[in-house]
């Protein structure tokens, strides 16, 4: 034996360089609810938000995770209108009566 390991090119690698060349299949794709690449194609379930479950995935042991996804971190398309209407007392389309005309 000349000191060269003849088995080296035939031996399969375990977790290093040889294994990285085999990674070309995607198990996760984009989720339509949270937008992250966490929707498992075979399981048909998002690992980030638990879609298609009705309630979004959140746990009390992850305070930072809840803070990132809570109300106020997104657009709040409807809720910002409700907050403005609340400050004005949920006015209807009718004008308020004039105070000077009613007192005299």
N, C-alpha and C. Protein backbone atom coordinates (compact mmCIF):
# COMPACT_ATOMS: atom_id res chain seq x y z
N UNK A 1 0.84 -1.18 0.00
CA UNK A 1 0.00 0.00 0.00
C UNK A 1 0.88 1.23 0.00
N UNK A 2 0.52 2.19 -0.84
CA UNK A 2 1.35 3.38 -1.04
C UNK A 2 0.98 4.52 -0.11
N UNK A 3 0.07 4.31 0.80
CA UNK A 3 -0.31 5.37 1.71
C UNK A 3 -1.52 6.15 1.23
N UNK A 4 -1.96 5.95 -0.01
CA UNK A 4 -3.14 6.63 -0.53
C UNK A 4 -4.35 5.75 -0.23
N UNK A 5 -5.37 6.36 0.31
CA UNK A 5 -6.58 5.62 0.65
C UNK A 5 -7.41 5.41 -0.61
N UNK A 6 -7.46 4.18 -1.12
CA UNK A 6 -8.17 3.88 -2.36
C UNK A 6 -9.68 3.89 -2.17
N UNK A 7 -10.15 3.78 -0.92
CA UNK A 7 -11.58 3.77 -0.68
C UNK A 7 -12.18 5.17 -0.61
N UNK A 8 -11.33 6.19 -0.55
CA UNK A 8 -11.85 7.55 -0.28
C UNK A 8 -12.88 8.05 -1.28
N UNK A 9 -12.69 7.94 -2.63
CA UNK A 9 -13.73 8.46 -3.51
C UNK A 9 -14.99 7.63 -3.51
N UNK A 10 -14.92 6.39 -3.07
CA UNK A 10 -16.10 5.53 -3.09
C UNK A 10 -16.93 5.66 -1.82
N UNK A 11 -16.31 6.13 -0.74
CA UNK A 11 -17.00 6.21 0.53
C UNK A 11 -17.98 7.39 0.51
N UNK A 12 -19.24 7.17 0.85
CA UNK A 12 -20.20 8.28 0.83
C UNK A 12 -19.94 9.24 1.98
N UNK A 13 -20.05 10.52 1.72
CA UNK A 13 -19.89 11.52 2.78
C UNK A 13 -21.11 11.49 3.69
N UNK A 14 -20.95 12.00 4.88
CA UNK A 14 -22.06 11.96 5.81
C UNK A 14 -22.81 13.28 5.83
N UNK A 15 -22.19 14.32 6.39
CA UNK A 15 -22.95 15.56 6.53
C UNK A 15 -22.23 16.77 5.95
N UNK A 16 -21.13 16.55 5.28
CA UNK A 16 -20.33 17.67 4.81
C UNK A 16 -20.58 18.04 3.37
N UNK A 17 -19.50 18.29 2.64
CA UNK A 17 -19.57 18.82 1.28
C UNK A 17 -20.37 17.93 0.35
N UNK A 18 -20.20 16.63 0.45
CA UNK A 18 -20.90 15.73 -0.44
C UNK A 18 -22.41 15.77 -0.27
N UNK A 19 -22.86 16.05 0.94
CA UNK A 19 -24.30 16.08 1.19
C UNK A 19 -24.95 17.35 0.66
N UNK A 20 -24.17 18.44 0.58
CA UNK A 20 -24.76 19.71 0.15
C UNK A 20 -25.11 19.68 -1.34
N UNK A 21 -24.44 18.85 -2.11
CA UNK A 21 -24.75 18.76 -3.53
C UNK A 21 -26.06 18.07 -3.82
N UNK A 22 -26.59 17.35 -2.85
CA UNK A 22 -27.83 16.61 -3.04
C UNK A 22 -29.07 17.43 -2.68
N UNK A 23 -28.86 18.66 -2.21
CA UNK A 23 -30.00 19.44 -1.73
C UNK A 23 -30.61 20.27 -2.86
N UNK A 24 -31.55 19.69 -3.59
CA UNK A 24 -32.20 20.44 -4.66
C UNK A 24 -33.71 20.26 -4.65
N UNK A 25 -34.26 19.58 -3.66
CA UNK A 25 -35.72 19.44 -3.55
C UNK A 25 -36.21 20.35 -2.43
N UNK A 26 -37.29 21.08 -2.70
CA UNK A 26 -37.83 22.00 -1.71
C UNK A 26 -38.96 21.32 -0.94
N UNK A 27 -38.87 21.34 0.36
CA UNK A 27 -39.95 20.81 1.18
C UNK A 27 -40.94 21.92 1.55
N UNK A 28 -40.48 23.17 1.60
CA UNK A 28 -41.33 24.29 1.98
C UNK A 28 -41.44 25.28 0.82
N UNK A 29 -42.62 25.90 0.72
CA UNK A 29 -42.84 26.97 -0.26
C UNK A 29 -43.56 28.11 0.44
N UNK A 30 -43.91 29.17 -0.30
CA UNK A 30 -44.50 30.36 0.31
C UNK A 30 -45.91 30.08 0.83
N UNK A 31 -46.19 30.60 2.01
CA UNK A 31 -47.52 30.48 2.62
C UNK A 31 -48.37 31.67 2.16
N UNK A 32 -49.65 31.40 1.86
CA UNK A 32 -50.49 32.48 1.36
C UNK A 32 -51.01 33.37 2.48
N UNK A 33 -50.92 32.91 3.76
CA UNK A 33 -51.39 33.74 4.87
C UNK A 33 -50.28 34.60 5.46
N UNK A 34 -49.14 33.99 5.80
CA UNK A 34 -48.08 34.77 6.45
C UNK A 34 -47.01 35.23 5.47
N UNK A 35 -46.94 34.64 4.28
CA UNK A 35 -45.99 35.09 3.27
C UNK A 35 -44.59 34.53 3.43
N UNK A 36 -44.34 33.75 4.47
CA UNK A 36 -43.02 33.18 4.68
C UNK A 36 -42.89 31.86 3.93
N UNK A 37 -41.67 31.45 3.68
CA UNK A 37 -41.42 30.19 2.98
C UNK A 37 -41.46 29.04 3.98
N UNK A 38 -42.63 28.83 4.57
CA UNK A 38 -42.79 27.86 5.65
C UNK A 38 -43.93 26.88 5.41
N UNK A 39 -44.56 26.95 4.25
CA UNK A 39 -45.67 26.04 3.95
C UNK A 39 -45.12 24.72 3.44
N UNK A 40 -45.33 23.64 4.21
CA UNK A 40 -44.82 22.33 3.85
C UNK A 40 -45.70 21.73 2.75
N UNK A 41 -45.08 21.37 1.64
CA UNK A 41 -45.83 20.96 0.46
C UNK A 41 -46.53 19.62 0.69
N UNK A 42 -45.84 18.64 1.29
CA UNK A 42 -46.45 17.33 1.50
C UNK A 42 -47.43 17.35 2.66
N UNK A 43 -47.08 18.03 3.75
CA UNK A 43 -47.98 18.09 4.90
C UNK A 43 -49.15 19.04 4.67
N UNK A 44 -49.02 19.96 3.72
CA UNK A 44 -50.02 20.99 3.44
C UNK A 44 -50.33 21.80 4.70
N UNK A 45 -49.27 22.24 5.37
CA UNK A 45 -49.42 23.00 6.61
C UNK A 45 -48.24 23.95 6.75
N UNK A 46 -48.52 25.17 7.22
CA UNK A 46 -47.45 26.16 7.40
C UNK A 46 -46.86 26.00 8.80
N UNK A 47 -45.55 25.94 8.87
CA UNK A 47 -44.89 25.76 10.17
C UNK A 47 -44.79 27.08 10.93
N UNK A 48 -45.02 28.21 10.28
CA UNK A 48 -44.92 29.50 10.94
C UNK A 48 -46.26 29.94 11.53
N UNK A 49 -47.32 29.86 10.73
CA UNK A 49 -48.62 30.38 11.18
C UNK A 49 -49.68 29.29 11.32
N UNK A 50 -49.35 28.03 11.01
CA UNK A 50 -50.24 26.87 11.13
C UNK A 50 -51.40 26.89 10.13
N UNK A 51 -51.28 27.69 9.04
CA UNK A 51 -52.30 27.65 8.00
C UNK A 51 -52.39 26.21 7.47
N UNK A 52 -53.56 25.65 7.22
CA UNK A 52 -54.90 26.22 7.10
C UNK A 52 -55.72 26.23 8.39
N UNK A 53 -55.10 26.13 9.54
CA UNK A 53 -55.85 26.22 10.80
C UNK A 53 -56.47 27.62 10.92
N UNK A 54 -57.62 27.68 11.56
CA UNK A 54 -58.34 28.95 11.66
C UNK A 54 -57.57 29.97 12.50
N UNK A 55 -56.94 29.48 13.59
CA UNK A 55 -56.20 30.39 14.47
C UNK A 55 -54.72 30.39 14.10
N UNK A 56 -54.10 31.56 14.17
CA UNK A 56 -52.68 31.68 13.87
C UNK A 56 -51.86 31.03 14.98
N UNK A 57 -50.74 30.44 14.61
CA UNK A 57 -49.88 29.75 15.56
C UNK A 57 -49.14 30.76 16.41
N UNK A 58 -49.25 30.64 17.73
CA UNK A 58 -48.49 31.48 18.67
C UNK A 58 -48.44 30.77 20.01
N UNK A 59 -47.31 30.95 20.71
CA UNK A 59 -47.10 30.29 21.98
C UNK A 59 -46.64 31.30 23.02
N UNK A 60 -47.03 31.06 24.28
CA UNK A 60 -46.66 31.99 25.35
C UNK A 60 -45.18 31.91 25.70
N UNK A 61 -44.51 30.80 25.32
CA UNK A 61 -43.08 30.71 25.64
C UNK A 61 -42.25 31.56 24.71
N UNK A 62 -42.84 32.10 23.65
CA UNK A 62 -42.10 32.96 22.73
C UNK A 62 -42.71 34.36 22.74
N UNK A 63 -42.24 35.18 23.66
CA UNK A 63 -42.78 36.54 23.80
C UNK A 63 -42.39 37.38 22.59
N UNK A 64 -41.15 37.24 22.13
CA UNK A 64 -40.70 38.01 20.97
C UNK A 64 -41.47 37.64 19.72
N UNK A 65 -41.75 36.33 19.56
CA UNK A 65 -42.50 35.88 18.40
C UNK A 65 -43.91 36.44 18.36
N UNK A 66 -44.54 36.56 19.53
CA UNK A 66 -45.88 37.14 19.61
C UNK A 66 -45.83 38.63 19.31
N UNK A 67 -44.75 39.29 19.76
CA UNK A 67 -44.61 40.73 19.54
C UNK A 67 -44.44 41.06 18.05
N UNK A 68 -43.79 40.16 17.33
CA UNK A 68 -43.56 40.40 15.89
C UNK A 68 -44.84 40.29 15.09
N UNK A 69 -45.79 39.47 15.56
CA UNK A 69 -46.97 39.18 14.76
C UNK A 69 -48.25 39.79 15.30
N UNK A 70 -48.18 40.61 16.36
CA UNK A 70 -49.38 41.08 17.03
C UNK A 70 -50.05 42.21 16.25
N UNK A 71 -51.20 42.64 16.73
CA UNK A 71 -51.94 43.73 16.10
C UNK A 71 -51.12 45.02 16.17
N UNK A 72 -51.04 45.70 15.05
CA UNK A 72 -50.27 46.95 14.99
C UNK A 72 -48.97 46.81 14.24
N UNK A 73 -48.57 45.57 13.89
CA UNK A 73 -47.33 45.38 13.14
C UNK A 73 -47.58 45.34 11.65
N UNK A 74 -48.85 45.30 11.25
CA UNK A 74 -49.18 45.25 9.82
C UNK A 74 -49.90 46.50 9.38
N UNK A 75 -50.75 46.37 8.37
CA UNK A 75 -51.44 47.52 7.79
C UNK A 75 -52.55 48.05 8.68
N UNK A 76 -53.25 47.16 9.37
CA UNK A 76 -54.44 47.50 10.15
C UNK A 76 -55.44 48.26 9.28
N UNK A 77 -55.76 47.68 8.12
CA UNK A 77 -56.59 48.35 7.12
C UNK A 77 -57.93 48.81 7.69
N UNK A 78 -58.59 47.97 8.50
CA UNK A 78 -59.88 48.33 9.06
C UNK A 78 -59.76 48.93 10.44
N UNK A 79 -58.83 48.41 11.25
CA UNK A 79 -58.78 48.82 12.66
C UNK A 79 -58.36 50.26 12.84
N UNK A 80 -57.52 50.80 11.94
CA UNK A 80 -57.14 52.21 12.07
C UNK A 80 -58.32 53.14 11.78
N UNK A 81 -59.27 52.67 10.95
CA UNK A 81 -60.48 53.46 10.70
C UNK A 81 -61.38 53.41 11.93
N UNK A 82 -61.48 52.23 12.56
CA UNK A 82 -62.31 52.08 13.76
C UNK A 82 -61.76 52.93 14.89
N UNK A 83 -60.44 53.00 15.04
CA UNK A 83 -59.84 53.83 16.09
C UNK A 83 -60.16 55.30 15.89
N UNK A 84 -60.12 55.77 14.63
CA UNK A 84 -60.44 57.17 14.33
C UNK A 84 -61.90 57.45 14.63
N UNK A 85 -62.80 56.52 14.27
CA UNK A 85 -64.23 56.70 14.53
C UNK A 85 -64.52 56.67 16.03
N UNK A 86 -63.75 55.87 16.79
CA UNK A 86 -63.94 55.81 18.24
C UNK A 86 -63.60 57.15 18.90
N UNK A 87 -62.49 57.77 18.43
CA UNK A 87 -62.10 59.07 18.99
C UNK A 87 -63.16 60.14 18.74
N UNK A 88 -63.89 60.01 17.64
CA UNK A 88 -64.93 60.99 17.31
C UNK A 88 -66.31 60.56 17.77
N UNK A 89 -66.38 59.49 18.53
CA UNK A 89 -67.64 59.07 19.12
C UNK A 89 -68.57 58.36 18.16
N UNK A 90 -68.04 57.69 17.17
CA UNK A 90 -68.84 56.95 16.18
C UNK A 90 -69.96 57.82 15.62
N UNK A 91 -69.60 58.95 15.02
CA UNK A 91 -70.58 59.88 14.47
C UNK A 91 -71.35 59.25 13.31
N UNK A 92 -72.63 59.61 13.23
CA UNK A 92 -73.43 59.21 12.08
C UNK A 92 -73.34 60.31 11.03
N UNK A 93 -74.10 60.17 9.96
CA UNK A 93 -74.03 61.17 8.89
C UNK A 93 -74.81 62.43 9.18
N UNK A 94 -75.51 62.50 10.34
CA UNK A 94 -76.35 63.64 10.67
C UNK A 94 -75.53 64.71 11.40
N UNK A 95 -75.70 65.96 11.01
CA UNK A 95 -74.97 67.05 11.66
C UNK A 95 -75.53 67.30 13.06
N UNK A 96 -74.66 67.73 13.99
CA UNK A 96 -75.09 68.01 15.34
C UNK A 96 -75.93 69.30 15.37
N UNK A 97 -76.96 69.36 16.23
CA UNK A 97 -77.77 70.60 16.30
C UNK A 97 -76.96 71.75 16.89
N UNK A 98 -77.26 72.96 16.43
CA UNK A 98 -76.56 74.15 16.90
C UNK A 98 -76.99 74.47 18.32
N UNK A 99 -76.04 74.66 19.24
CA UNK A 99 -76.37 74.88 20.65
C UNK A 99 -77.03 76.25 20.86
N UNK A 100 -76.65 77.27 20.09
CA UNK A 100 -77.20 78.63 20.26
C UNK A 100 -78.68 78.66 19.87
N UNK A 101 -79.06 77.91 18.87
CA UNK A 101 -80.45 77.94 18.39
C UNK A 101 -81.38 77.24 19.39
N UNK A 102 -80.92 76.22 20.08
CA UNK A 102 -81.77 75.47 21.00
C UNK A 102 -81.89 76.15 22.34
N UNK A 103 -80.90 76.96 22.77
CA UNK A 103 -80.94 77.58 24.10
C UNK A 103 -81.86 78.79 24.15
N UNK A 104 -82.09 79.50 23.05
CA UNK A 104 -82.91 80.72 23.10
C UNK A 104 -84.36 80.50 22.79
